Amino acid sequence: MDKGNADSVLTAAEVAQRLKISLRSFEALVQAQRAPPFLRIGRLRRWRAPDVEAWLIEQVPRSK
């Protein structure tokens, strides 16, 4: 799958790499329900690249 494709799906390791955090830290965010929304494909969790990008933008503090 093309990594530049907006419809691509990512694994937890790929999302963690994009966020520049460890997989363990990302899994902690998932467990705390503070991570981007994911899809279930059977037993697998996958993240849509656009959802990750949108979530990341939402995390930026807004100046008043």
C-alpha atoms as a PDB file:
ATOM      1  CA  MET A   1       0.000   0.000   0.000  1.00  0.00           C
ATOM      2  CA  ASP A   2       1.269   3.450  -0.865  1.00  0.00           C
ATOM      3  CA  LYS A   3       2.230   5.402   2.272  1.00  0.00           C
ATOM      4  CA  GLY A   4       1.274   8.662   0.576  1.00  0.00           C
ATOM      5  CA  ASN A   5      -2.233   7.440  -0.204  1.00  0.00           C
ATOM      6  CA  ALA A   6      -4.909   9.218   1.860  1.00  0.00           C
ATOM      7  CA  ASP A   7      -6.866   5.949   2.075  1.00  0.00           C
ATOM      8  CA  SER A   8      -3.981   3.968   3.530  1.00  0.00           C
ATOM      9  CA  VAL A   9      -4.305   2.209   6.855  1.00  0.00           C
ATOM     10  CA  LEU A  10      -1.569   2.129   9.456  1.00  0.00           C
ATOM     11  CA  THR A  11      -0.519  -0.291  12.160  1.00  0.00           C
ATOM     12  CA  ALA A  12       0.056   0.813  15.744  1.00  0.00           C
ATOM     13  CA  ALA A  13       3.808   0.762  15.114  1.00  0.00           C
ATOM     14  CA  GLU A  14       3.418   2.987  12.047  1.00  0.00           C
ATOM     15  CA  VAL A  15       1.240   5.483  13.936  1.00  0.00           C
ATOM     16  CA  ALA A  16       3.741   5.582  16.800  1.00  0.00           C
ATOM     17  CA  GLN A  17       6.533   6.183  14.301  1.00  0.00           C
ATOM     18  CA  ARG A  18       4.596   9.070  12.703  1.00  0.00           C
ATOM     19  CA  LEU A  19       4.002  10.581  16.153  1.00  0.00           C
ATOM     20  CA  LYS A  20       7.681  10.027  17.023  1.00  0.00           C
ATOM     21  CA  ILE A  21       6.825   8.170  20.234  1.00  0.00           C
ATOM     22  CA  SER A  22       7.509   4.625  21.330  1.00  0.00           C
ATOM     23  CA  LEU A  23       5.032   1.873  20.568  1.00  0.00           C
ATOM     24  CA  ARG A  24       4.606   1.380  24.298  1.00  0.00           C
ATOM     25  CA  SER A  25       3.651   5.058  24.773  1.00  0.00           C
ATOM     26  CA  PHE A  26       1.210   4.844  21.882  1.00  0.00           C
ATOM     27  CA  GLU A  27      -0.385   1.703  23.312  1.00  0.00           C
ATOM     28  CA  ALA A  28      -0.808   3.567  26.614  1.00  0.00           C
ATOM     29  CA  LEU A  29      -2.667   6.335  24.750  1.00  0.00           C
ATOM     30  CA  VAL A  30      -4.901   3.722  23.116  1.00  0.00           C
ATOM     31  CA  GLN A  31      -5.675   2.099  26.478  1.00  0.00           C
ATOM     32  CA  ALA A  32      -6.485   5.516  27.986  1.00  0.00           C
ATOM     33  CA  GLN A  33      -8.740   6.247  24.970  1.00  0.00           C
ATOM     34  CA  ARG A  34      -6.613   9.301  24.130  1.00  0.00           C
ATOM     35  CA  ALA A  35      -5.376   8.027  20.748  1.00  0.00           C
ATOM     36  CA  PRO A  36      -6.839   8.555  17.278  1.00  0.00           C
ATOM     37  CA  PRO A  37      -9.901   6.421  16.470  1.00  0.00           C
ATOM     38  CA  PHE A  38      -9.132   3.035  14.960  1.00  0.00           C
ATOM     39  CA  LEU A  39     -10.875   0.464  12.788  1.00  0.00           C
ATOM     40  CA  ARG A  40     -11.231  -3.194  13.667  1.00  0.00           C
ATOM     41  CA  ILE A  41     -10.455  -5.570  10.847  1.00  0.00           C
ATOM     42  CA  GLY A  42     -11.104  -8.935  12.429  1.00  0.00           C
ATOM     43  CA  ARG A  43      -8.858  -8.913  15.495  1.00  0.00           C
ATOM     44  CA  LEU A  44      -6.540  -6.261  14.048  1.00  0.00           C
ATOM     45  CA  ARG A  45      -6.607  -2.566  14.858  1.00  0.00           C
ATOM     46  CA  ARG A  46      -5.800  -0.209  12.020  1.00  0.00           C
ATOM     47  CA  TRP A  47      -5.745   3.576  11.817  1.00  0.00           C
ATOM     48  CA  ARG A  48      -6.723   5.556   8.730  1.00  0.00           C
ATOM     49  CA  ALA A  49      -3.986   8.040   7.844  1.00  0.00           C
ATOM     50  CA  PRO A  50      -6.443  10.981   7.506  1.00  0.00           C
ATOM     51  CA  ASP A  51      -7.881  10.200  10.966  1.00  0.00           C
ATOM     52  CA  VAL A  52      -4.392  10.257  12.485  1.00  0.00           C
ATOM     53  CA  GLU A  53      -3.586  13.580  10.804  1.00  0.00           C
ATOM     54  CA  ALA A  54      -6.898  15.120  11.954  1.00  0.00           C
ATOM     55  CA  TRP A  55      -6.344  13.868  15.511  1.00  0.00           C
ATOM     56  CA  LEU A  56      -2.840  15.328  15.525  1.00  0.00           C
ATOM     57  CA  ILE A  57      -4.141  18.759  14.453  1.00  0.00           C
ATOM     58  CA  GLU A  58      -6.731  18.622  17.259  1.00  0.00           C
ATOM     59  CA  GLN A  59      -3.949  18.092  19.809  1.00  0.00           C
ATOM     60  CA  VAL A  60      -2.310  21.442  19.031  1.00  0.00           C
ATOM     61  CA  PRO A  61      -3.272  23.984  21.727  1.00  0.00           C
ATOM     62  CA  ARG A  62      -5.211  26.935  20.398  1.00  0.00           C
ATOM     63  CA  SER A  63      -3.975  30.417  21.295  1.00  0.00           C
ATOM     64  CA  LYS A  64      -6.526  32.875  22.643  1.00  0.00           C
END
